[in-house]
Amino acid sequence: MHPQYSLPALLIDPHCPPERIAWLSRALNQVNSAIGHLAGLELHLLPQRLELKAVNDPALPGSLWVDFLAPAFRRRYRQPHQELIVQASKIRGCPAPVVVDATAGLGRDGFLLAAAGYQVQMMERNPVVAVLLQDGLARATANPETARICQRIQLTVGDAKDCLAAVAAPPDVIYLDPMFPGRTKSAKVKLELQLLQRVAMPTEDNENLFRLTLSLRPKKVVVKRPLKESFLMDLRPSYTLKGKAVRFDVYQPATMGKAMSLVD
């Protein structure tokens, strides 16, 4: 059973069709989260999308929603093999590896992996983020350009530690993106980060989740980190792919030898 969490206040546009309202009701019942409201936030159910907004906060004037069809992101998923996350998760001799995105967030990295042909199991424990992600995936599924990508994505709402502990066989790759404060000049990204911080649940135990992923012995564990941040658990990766602002630390348990004693 999912634990109960608070959600933002919910506002429903009067023009929303009944099936949209029924969908949101099912989604919220799935996370079992009706125990009061997060102050200062609202979820707006519109006919075209679900949005998260701050209430009466001039510093946060916009809305947050998941949009896999935005032009800037469309350019990325049309050429997914240029993405570092795709390169870091690649398995030699396996054109369609199974990847668990254990901290899915707004789903962009997992979507890029699916665009590259990977089979992606997204896991997201935050009920607000999960319902926004469900809405974005539903709209992408209804679009002919992205429908096939979405067929390779499955979303599980729940704590990744519980979900991973129950897997019958390890996936090829487990991907972790621990949330970290962003340093960016992009107003849109700053808005996203601040709104996500408003709905943040108690801090994820990243080290225990990392230890669990390694103990499952997938072919790779890929960890996204700020470019100059230390290694998670100070454990040196098998290798690293670096971008301008972030890097992807790749751990290959089968080749790590004595270093794996840290997780046993």
C-alpha atoms as a PDB file:
ATOM      1  CA  MET A   1       0.000   0.000   0.000  1.00  0.00           C
ATOM      2  CA  HIS A   2       1.244   3.477  -0.813  1.00  0.00           C
ATOM      3  CA  PRO A   3       1.697   5.815   2.178  1.00  0.00           C
ATOM      4  CA  GLN A   4      -0.432   8.942   2.277  1.00  0.00           C
ATOM      5  CA  TYR A   5       0.901  12.329   1.238  1.00  0.00           C
ATOM      6  CA  SER A   6      -0.433  15.834   0.939  1.00  0.00           C
ATOM      7  CA  LEU A   7      -1.270  17.220  -2.492  1.00  0.00           C
ATOM      8  CA  PRO A   8      -1.765  20.764  -3.768  1.00  0.00           C
ATOM      9  CA  ALA A   9      -5.305  22.086  -3.920  1.00  0.00           C
ATOM     10  CA  LEU A  10      -7.087  20.842  -7.042  1.00  0.00           C
ATOM     11  CA  LEU A  11      -8.897  23.135  -9.474  1.00  0.00           C
ATOM     12  CA  ILE A  12     -10.867  21.652 -12.378  1.00  0.00           C
ATOM     13  CA  ASP A  13     -11.645  23.698 -15.464  1.00  0.00           C
ATOM     14  CA  PRO A  14     -15.405  23.581 -16.147  1.00  0.00           C
ATOM     15  CA  HIS A  15     -14.695  22.669 -19.767  1.00  0.00           C
ATOM     16  CA  CYS A  16     -12.840  19.469 -18.843  1.00  0.00           C
ATOM     17  CA  PRO A  17     -14.553  16.412 -20.350  1.00  0.00           C
ATOM     18  CA  PRO A  18     -15.764  13.787 -17.855  1.00  0.00           C
ATOM     19  CA  GLU A  19     -13.129  11.274 -18.972  1.00  0.00           C
ATOM     20  CA  ARG A  20     -10.351  13.716 -17.977  1.00  0.00           C
ATOM     21  CA  ILE A  21     -11.847  14.143 -14.521  1.00  0.00           C
ATOM     22  CA  ALA A  22     -12.278  10.378 -14.158  1.00  0.00           C
ATOM     23  CA  TRP A  23      -8.643   9.833 -15.186  1.00  0.00           C
ATOM     24  CA  LEU A  24      -7.353  12.242 -12.537  1.00  0.00           C
ATOM     25  CA  SER A  25      -9.564  10.676  -9.885  1.00  0.00           C
ATOM     26  CA  ARG A  26      -8.121   7.234 -10.667  1.00  0.00           C
ATOM     27  CA  ALA A  27      -4.570   8.606 -10.670  1.00  0.00           C
ATOM     28  CA  LEU A  28      -4.955  10.281  -7.297  1.00  0.00           C
ATOM     29  CA  ASN A  29      -6.633   7.228  -5.798  1.00  0.00           C
ATOM     30  CA  GLN A  30      -3.660   5.185  -6.989  1.00  0.00           C
ATOM     31  CA  VAL A  31      -1.263   7.205  -4.834  1.00  0.00           C
ATOM     32  CA  ASN A  32      -3.728   7.352  -1.908  1.00  0.00           C
ATOM     33  CA  SER A  33      -2.795  10.907  -1.121  1.00  0.00           C
ATOM     34  CA  ALA A  34      -5.826  12.874   0.104  1.00  0.00           C
ATOM     35  CA  ILE A  35      -4.736  13.987   3.588  1.00  0.00           C
ATOM     36  CA  GLY A  36      -4.783  17.760   3.199  1.00  0.00           C
ATOM     37  CA  HIS A  37      -3.211  20.307   0.901  1.00  0.00           C
ATOM     38  CA  LEU A  38       0.287  21.609   0.316  1.00  0.00           C
ATOM     39  CA  ALA A  39       0.036  25.295   1.116  1.00  0.00           C
ATOM     40  CA  GLY A  40       0.641  27.750  -1.680  1.00  0.00           C
ATOM     41  CA  LEU A  41       0.300  25.276  -4.559  1.00  0.00           C
ATOM     42  CA  GLU A  42      -2.497  24.296  -6.938  1.00  0.00           C
ATOM     43  CA  LEU A  43      -2.982  21.545  -9.479  1.00  0.00           C
ATOM     44  CA  HIS A  44      -5.033  22.825 -12.423  1.00  0.00           C
ATOM     45  CA  LEU A  45      -6.788  20.210 -14.526  1.00  0.00           C
ATOM     46  CA  LEU A  46      -7.351  21.760 -17.945  1.00  0.00           C
ATOM     47  CA  PRO A  47      -8.879  20.129 -21.033  1.00  0.00           C
ATOM     48  CA  GLN A  48      -5.439  19.969 -22.665  1.00  0.00           C
ATOM     49  CA  ARG A  49      -3.104  19.241 -19.703  1.00  0.00           C
ATOM     50  CA  LEU A  50      -2.480  19.128 -15.950  1.00  0.00           C
ATOM     51  CA  GLU A  51      -0.483  22.024 -14.490  1.00  0.00           C
ATOM     52  CA  LEU A  52       1.199  22.775 -11.164  1.00  0.00           C
ATOM     53  CA  LYS A  53       1.144  26.430 -10.107  1.00  0.00           C
ATOM     54  CA  ALA A  54       2.276  28.505  -7.158  1.00  0.00           C
ATOM     55  CA  VAL A  55      -0.480  30.660  -5.656  1.00  0.00           C
ATOM     56  CA  ASN A  56       0.064  34.423  -5.323  1.00  0.00           C
ATOM     57  CA  ASP A  57       3.830  34.166  -5.618  1.00  0.00           C
ATOM     58  CA  PRO A  58       5.328  36.828  -7.934  1.00  0.00           C
ATOM     59  CA  ALA A  59       8.646  34.950  -7.892  1.00  0.00           C
ATOM     60  CA  LEU A  60       6.977  31.928  -9.519  1.00  0.00           C
ATOM     61  CA  PRO A  61       4.591  33.357 -12.118  1.00  0.00           C
ATOM     62  CA  GLY A  62       4.391  30.389 -14.480  1.00  0.00           C
ATOM     63  CA  SER A  63       3.118  26.807 -14.505  1.00  0.00           C
ATOM     64  CA  LEU A  64       4.807  23.429 -14.628  1.00  0.00           C
ATOM     65  CA  TRP A  65       3.566  20.586 -16.785  1.00  0.00           C
ATOM     66  CA  VAL A  66       5.175  17.638 -18.554  1.00  0.00           C
ATOM     67  CA  ASP A  67       5.453  18.258 -22.283  1.00  0.00           C
ATOM     68  CA  PHE A  68       7.308  15.710 -24.387  1.00  0.00           C
ATOM     69  CA  LEU A  69       6.056  17.487 -27.525  1.00  0.00           C
ATOM     70  CA  ALA A  70       7.783  20.829 -26.915  1.00  0.00           C
ATOM     71  CA  PRO A  71       9.880  21.879 -29.946  1.00  0.00           C
ATOM     72  CA  ALA A  72      13.169  22.018 -28.014  1.00  0.00           C
ATOM     73  CA  PHE A  73      12.658  18.532 -26.610  1.00  0.00           C
ATOM     74  CA  ARG A  74      11.433  17.213 -29.958  1.00  0.00           C
ATOM     75  CA  ARG A  75      14.842  18.010 -31.439  1.00  0.00           C
ATOM     76  CA  ARG A  76      16.440  15.874 -28.735  1.00  0.00           C
ATOM     77  CA  TYR A  77      14.276  12.778 -29.015  1.00  0.00           C
ATOM     78  CA  ARG A  78      14.527  12.800 -32.820  1.00  0.00           C
ATOM     79  CA  GLN A  79      18.299  12.277 -32.433  1.00  0.00           C
ATOM     80  CA  PRO A  80      18.455  10.312 -29.186  1.00  0.00           C
ATOM     81  CA  HIS A  81      21.775   8.583 -29.845  1.00  0.00           C
ATOM     82  CA  GLN A  82      23.515  11.941 -29.521  1.00  0.00           C
ATOM     83  CA  GLU A  83      22.353  12.156 -25.900  1.00  0.00           C
ATOM     84  CA  LEU A  84      24.893  11.297 -23.190  1.00  0.00           C
ATOM     85  CA  ILE A  85      22.276   9.412 -21.156  1.00  0.00           C
ATOM     86  CA  VAL A  86      21.685   7.110 -24.130  1.00  0.00           C
ATOM     87  CA  GLN A  87      25.412   6.608 -24.690  1.00  0.00           C
ATOM     88  CA  ALA A  88      26.005   5.915 -20.995  1.00  0.00           C
ATOM     89  CA  SER A  89      23.216   3.300 -20.891  1.00  0.00           C
ATOM     90  CA  LYS A  90      24.231   1.480 -24.068  1.00  0.00           C
ATOM     91  CA  ILE A  91      24.923  -2.258 -23.735  1.00  0.00           C
ATOM     92  CA  ARG A  92      27.223  -3.792 -26.333  1.00  0.00           C
ATOM     93  CA  GLY A  93      25.428  -6.433 -28.385  1.00  0.00           C
ATOM     94  CA  CYS A  94      22.022  -5.486 -26.953  1.00  0.00           C
ATOM     95  CA  PRO A  95      20.069  -3.070 -29.210  1.00  0.00           C
ATOM     96  CA  ALA A  96      17.096  -2.800 -26.828  1.00  0.00           C
ATOM     97  CA  PRO A  97      18.321  -3.028 -23.227  1.00  0.00           C
ATOM     98  CA  VAL A  98      15.854  -2.985 -20.334  1.00  0.00           C
ATOM     99  CA  VAL A  99      16.381   0.143 -18.249  1.00  0.00           C
ATOM    100  CA  VAL A 100      14.872   0.995 -14.878  1.00  0.00           C
ATOM    101  CA  ASP A 101      14.715   4.772 -14.399  1.00  0.00           C
ATOM    102  CA  ALA A 102      14.455   4.581 -10.621  1.00  0.00           C
ATOM    103  CA  THR A 103      14.043   8.345 -10.067  1.00  0.00           C
ATOM    104  CA  ALA A 104      11.958   9.300 -13.089  1.00  0.00           C
ATOM    105  CA  GLY A 105      11.027  12.854 -12.109  1.00  0.00           C
ATOM    106  CA  LEU A 106       9.555  14.660 -15.112  1.00  0.00           C
ATOM    107  CA  GLY A 107      10.556  11.737 -17.326  1.00  0.00           C
ATOM    108  CA  ARG A 108      12.775  13.408 -19.916  1.00  0.00           C
ATOM    109  CA  ASP A 109      15.794  11.132 -19.570  1.00  0.00           C
ATOM    110  CA  GLY A 110      13.636   8.009 -19.576  1.00  0.00           C
ATOM    111  CA  PHE A 111      11.791   9.274 -22.645  1.00  0.00           C
ATOM    112  CA  LEU A 112      15.089   9.806 -24.494  1.00  0.00           C
ATOM    113  CA  LEU A 113      16.107   6.230 -23.654  1.00  0.00           C
ATOM    114  CA  ALA A 114      12.803   4.935 -25.005  1.00  0.00           C
ATOM    115  CA  ALA A 115      13.254   7.055 -28.150  1.00  0.00           C
ATOM    116  CA  ALA A 116      16.562   5.238 -28.671  1.00  0.00           C
ATOM    117  CA  GLY A 117      14.731   1.898 -28.631  1.00  0.00           C
ATOM    118  CA  TYR A 118      15.334   0.953 -24.995  1.00  0.00           C
ATOM    119  CA  GLN A 119      12.606  -0.655 -22.875  1.00  0.00           C
ATOM    120  CA  VAL A 120      12.096   1.745 -19.962  1.00  0.00           C
ATOM    121  CA  GLN A 121      10.498   1.125 -16.573  1.00  0.00           C
ATOM    122  CA  MET A 122       9.994   4.530 -14.921  1.00  0.00           C
ATOM    123  CA  MET A 123       9.581   4.657 -11.140  1.00  0.00           C
ATOM    124  CA  GLU A 124       8.468   7.801  -9.315  1.00  0.00           C
ATOM    125  CA  ARG A 125       7.537   7.966  -5.648  1.00  0.00           C
ATOM    126  CA  ASN A 126       6.380  11.599  -5.415  1.00  0.00           C
ATOM    127  CA  PRO A 127       2.614  11.589  -6.050  1.00  0.00           C
ATOM    128  CA  VAL A 128       2.517  15.138  -7.464  1.00  0.00           C
ATOM    129  CA  VAL A 129       5.371  14.500  -9.880  1.00  0.00           C
ATOM    130  CA  ALA A 130       3.922  11.088 -10.773  1.00  0.00           C
ATOM    131  CA  VAL A 131       0.518  12.449 -11.746  1.00  0.00           C
ATOM    132  CA  LEU A 132       2.120  15.206 -13.852  1.00  0.00           C
ATOM    133  CA  LEU A 133       4.245  12.551 -15.550  1.00  0.00           C
ATOM    134  CA  GLN A 134       1.204  10.324 -16.167  1.00  0.00           C
ATOM    135  CA  ASP A 135      -0.539  13.240 -17.840  1.00  0.00           C
ATOM    136  CA  GLY A 136       2.457  14.004 -20.058  1.00  0.00           C
ATOM    137  CA  LEU A 137       2.806  10.368 -21.108  1.00  0.00           C
ATOM    138  CA  ALA A 138      -0.913  10.155 -21.897  1.00  0.00           C
ATOM    139  CA  ARG A 139      -0.690  13.170 -24.227  1.00  0.00           C
ATOM    140  CA  ALA A 140       2.442  11.788 -25.871  1.00  0.00           C
ATOM    141  CA  THR A 141       0.714   8.425 -26.338  1.00  0.00           C
ATOM    142  CA  ALA A 142      -2.143  10.157 -28.155  1.00  0.00           C
ATOM    143  CA  ASN A 143       0.264  11.863 -30.575  1.00  0.00           C
ATOM    144  CA  PRO A 144       1.198   9.808 -33.671  1.00  0.00           C
ATOM    145  CA  GLU A 145       4.795  11.056 -33.597  1.00  0.00           C
ATOM    146  CA  THR A 146       5.497   9.856 -30.054  1.00  0.00           C
ATOM    147  CA  ALA A 147       3.012   7.011 -29.593  1.00  0.00           C
ATOM    148  CA  ARG A 148       5.548   4.325 -30.532  1.00  0.00           C
ATOM    149  CA  ILE A 149       8.075   5.718 -28.057  1.00  0.00           C
ATOM    150  CA  CYS A 150       5.491   5.553 -25.281  1.00  0.00           C
ATOM    151  CA  GLN A 151       4.849   1.877 -26.037  1.00  0.00           C
ATOM    152  CA  ARG A 152       8.337   1.225 -24.673  1.00  0.00           C
ATOM    153  CA  ILE A 153       7.624   3.037 -21.383  1.00  0.00           C
ATOM    154  CA  GLN A 154       5.934   1.705 -18.272  1.00  0.00           C
ATOM    155  CA  LEU A 155       5.413   3.929 -15.224  1.00  0.00           C
ATOM    156  CA  THR A 156       5.244   2.578 -11.678  1.00  0.00           C
ATOM    157  CA  VAL A 157       4.148   4.932  -8.893  1.00  0.00           C
ATOM    158  CA  GLY A 158       6.007   4.000  -5.744  1.00  0.00           C
ATOM    159  CA  ASP A 159       9.301   3.998  -3.888  1.00  0.00           C
ATOM    160  CA  ALA A 160      12.070   2.594  -6.091  1.00  0.00           C
ATOM    161  CA  LYS A 161      13.647   0.738  -3.158  1.00  0.00           C
ATOM    162  CA  ASP A 162      10.453  -1.274  -2.674  1.00  0.00           C
ATOM    163  CA  CYS A 163       9.909  -1.783  -6.407  1.00  0.00           C
ATOM    164  CA  LEU A 164      13.498  -2.859  -7.086  1.00  0.00           C
ATOM    165  CA  ALA A 165      13.573  -5.216  -4.108  1.00  0.00           C
ATOM    166  CA  ALA A 166      10.632  -7.060  -5.662  1.00  0.00           C
ATOM    167  CA  VAL A 167      12.062  -7.549  -9.164  1.00  0.00           C
ATOM    168  CA  ALA A 168      12.394 -11.163 -10.267  1.00  0.00           C
ATOM    169  CA  ALA A 169      15.492 -10.514 -12.401  1.00  0.00           C
ATOM    170  CA  PRO A 170      17.773  -7.476 -12.599  1.00  0.00           C
ATOM    171  CA  PRO A 171      17.318  -5.141 -15.570  1.00  0.00           C
ATOM    172  CA  ASP A 172      20.219  -4.469 -17.909  1.00  0.00           C
ATOM    173  CA  VAL A 173      20.627  -0.906 -16.626  1.00  0.00           C
ATOM    174  CA  ILE A 174      19.454   1.020 -13.566  1.00  0.00           C
ATOM    175  CA  TYR A 175      19.504   4.803 -13.881  1.00  0.00           C
ATOM    176  CA  LEU A 176      19.591   7.196 -10.917  1.00  0.00           C
ATOM    177  CA  ASP A 177      19.157  10.958 -11.054  1.00  0.00           C
ATOM    178  CA  PRO A 178      19.277  12.245  -7.465  1.00  0.00           C
ATOM    179  CA  MET A 179      17.691  15.695  -7.395  1.00  0.00           C
ATOM    180  CA  PHE A 180      20.294  18.395  -6.854  1.00  0.00           C
ATOM    181  CA  PRO A 181      20.136  22.198  -6.790  1.00  0.00           C
ATOM    182  CA  GLY A 182      20.474  23.500 -10.338  1.00  0.00           C
ATOM    183  CA  ARG A 183      22.776  26.309 -11.346  1.00  0.00           C
ATOM    184  CA  THR A 184      21.328  27.621 -14.556  1.00  0.00           C
ATOM    185  CA  LYS A 185      20.467  30.882 -16.243  1.00  0.00           C
ATOM    186  CA  SER A 186      17.304  29.412 -17.751  1.00  0.00           C
ATOM    187  CA  ALA A 187      14.229  30.971 -16.154  1.00  0.00           C
ATOM    188  CA  LYS A 188      12.117  27.987 -17.195  1.00  0.00           C
ATOM    189  CA  VAL A 189      14.449  25.471 -15.557  1.00  0.00           C
ATOM    190  CA  LYS A 190      14.645  27.603 -12.409  1.00  0.00           C
ATOM    191  CA  LEU A 191      10.837  27.660 -12.261  1.00  0.00           C
ATOM    192  CA  GLU A 192      10.699  23.877 -12.627  1.00  0.00           C
ATOM    193  CA  LEU A 193      13.256  23.301  -9.882  1.00  0.00           C
ATOM    194  CA  GLN A 194      11.590  25.684  -7.445  1.00  0.00           C
ATOM    195  CA  LEU A 195       8.143  24.201  -7.989  1.00  0.00           C
ATOM    196  CA  LEU A 196       9.533  20.670  -7.626  1.00  0.00           C
ATOM    197  CA  GLN A 197      11.252  21.686  -4.401  1.00  0.00           C
ATOM    198  CA  ARG A 198       7.890  22.917  -3.100  1.00  0.00           C
ATOM    199  CA  VAL A 199       6.387  19.445  -3.520  1.00  0.00           C
ATOM    200  CA  ALA A 200       9.524  17.588  -2.436  1.00  0.00           C
ATOM    201  CA  MET A 201       8.986  14.742  -0.016  1.00  0.00           C
ATOM    202  CA  PRO A 202      11.448  13.862   2.772  1.00  0.00           C
ATOM    203  CA  THR A 203      14.941  13.530   1.337  1.00  0.00           C
ATOM    204  CA  GLU A 204      15.495  10.401  -0.693  1.00  0.00           C
ATOM    205  CA  ASP A 205      18.153   8.172   0.854  1.00  0.00           C
ATOM    206  CA  ASN A 206      20.304   8.221  -2.245  1.00  0.00           C
ATOM    207  CA  GLU A 207      23.123   6.149  -0.784  1.00  0.00           C
ATOM    208  CA  ASN A 208      20.866   3.268   0.239  1.00  0.00           C
ATOM    209  CA  LEU A 209      19.112   3.332  -3.122  1.00  0.00           C
ATOM    210  CA  PHE A 210      22.497   3.355  -4.868  1.00  0.00           C
ATOM    211  CA  ARG A 211      23.704   0.469  -2.703  1.00  0.00           C
ATOM    212  CA  LEU A 212      20.574  -1.518  -3.562  1.00  0.00           C
ATOM    213  CA  THR A 213      20.953  -0.937  -7.297  1.00  0.00           C
ATOM    214  CA  LEU A 214      24.548  -2.176  -7.229  1.00  0.00           C
ATOM    215  CA  SER A 215      23.608  -5.215  -5.152  1.00  0.00           C
ATOM    216  CA  LEU A 216      21.188  -6.316  -7.877  1.00  0.00           C
ATOM    217  CA  ARG A 217      24.181  -6.701 -10.233  1.00  0.00           C
ATOM    218  CA  PRO A 218      22.728  -5.165 -13.404  1.00  0.00           C
ATOM    219  CA  LYS A 219      25.128  -4.775 -16.295  1.00  0.00           C
ATOM    220  CA  LYS A 220      25.302  -1.043 -15.543  1.00  0.00           C
ATOM    221  CA  VAL A 221      24.229   1.469 -12.922  1.00  0.00           C
ATOM    222  CA  VAL A 222      24.255   4.992 -14.376  1.00  0.00           C
ATOM    223  CA  VAL A 223      24.238   7.963 -11.978  1.00  0.00           C
ATOM    224  CA  LYS A 224      23.661  11.557 -13.085  1.00  0.00           C
ATOM    225  CA  ARG A 225      25.736  14.085 -11.135  1.00  0.00           C
ATOM    226  CA  PRO A 226      26.625  17.781 -11.323  1.00  0.00           C
ATOM    227  CA  LEU A 227      29.855  18.125 -13.244  1.00  0.00           C
ATOM    228  CA  LYS A 228      32.031  19.046 -10.229  1.00  0.00           C
ATOM    229  CA  GLU A 229      30.182  17.044  -7.552  1.00  0.00           C
ATOM    230  CA  SER A 230      31.875  14.150  -5.752  1.00  0.00           C
ATOM    231  CA  PHE A 231      31.084  10.535  -6.641  1.00  0.00           C
ATOM    232  CA  LEU A 232      28.070   9.054  -4.888  1.00  0.00           C
ATOM    233  CA  MET A 233      29.313   7.242  -1.752  1.00  0.00           C
ATOM    234  CA  ASP A 234      32.795   8.314  -2.931  1.00  0.00           C
ATOM    235  CA  LEU A 235      32.737   5.193  -5.097  1.00  0.00           C
ATOM    236  CA  ARG A 236      34.780   5.652  -8.250  1.00  0.00           C
ATOM    237  CA  PRO A 237      32.805   4.645 -11.376  1.00  0.00           C
ATOM    238  CA  SER A 238      34.006   2.310 -14.099  1.00  0.00           C
ATOM    239  CA  TYR A 239      34.000   5.346 -16.400  1.00  0.00           C
ATOM    240  CA  THR A 240      32.322   8.745 -16.816  1.00  0.00           C
ATOM    241  CA  LEU A 241      30.733  10.663 -19.686  1.00  0.00           C
ATOM    242  CA  LYS A 242      30.870  14.437 -19.212  1.00  0.00           C
ATOM    243  CA  GLY A 243      28.624  17.163 -20.569  1.00  0.00           C
ATOM    244  CA  LYS A 244      28.748  20.936 -20.059  1.00  0.00           C
ATOM    245  CA  ALA A 245      26.925  20.967 -16.723  1.00  0.00           C
ATOM    246  CA  VAL A 246      26.379  17.337 -15.712  1.00  0.00           C
ATOM    247  CA  ARG A 247      28.152  14.023 -16.025  1.00  0.00           C
ATOM    248  CA  PHE A 248      27.035  10.388 -16.092  1.00  0.00           C
ATOM    249  CA  ASP A 249      28.999   8.050 -13.823  1.00  0.00           C
ATOM    250  CA  VAL A 250      28.772   4.474 -15.123  1.00  0.00           C
ATOM    251  CA  TYR A 251      29.250   1.548 -12.737  1.00  0.00           C
ATOM    252  CA  GLN A 252      29.673  -1.990 -14.057  1.00  0.00           C
ATOM    253  CA  PRO A 253      29.315  -4.321 -11.045  1.00  0.00           C
ATOM    254  CA  ALA A 254      30.792  -7.328 -12.868  1.00  0.00           C
ATOM    255  CA  THR A 255      34.124  -5.519 -13.302  1.00  0.00           C
ATOM    256  CA  MET A 256      34.334  -3.608 -10.007  1.00  0.00           C
ATOM    257  CA  GLY A 257      35.977  -6.351  -7.922  1.00  0.00           C
ATOM    258  CA  LYS A 258      36.758  -5.355  -4.310  1.00  0.00           C
ATOM    259  CA  ALA A 259      34.852  -2.077  -4.645  1.00  0.00           C
ATOM    260  CA  MET A 260      31.621  -4.097  -4.544  1.00  0.00           C
ATOM    261  CA  SER A 261      32.366  -4.962  -0.908  1.00  0.00           C
ATOM    262  CA  LEU A 262      30.970  -1.523  -0.071  1.00  0.00           C
ATOM    263  CA  VAL A 263      27.494  -2.670  -1.064  1.00  0.00           C
ATOM    264  CA  ASP A 264      27.500  -6.257   0.243  1.00  0.00           C
END
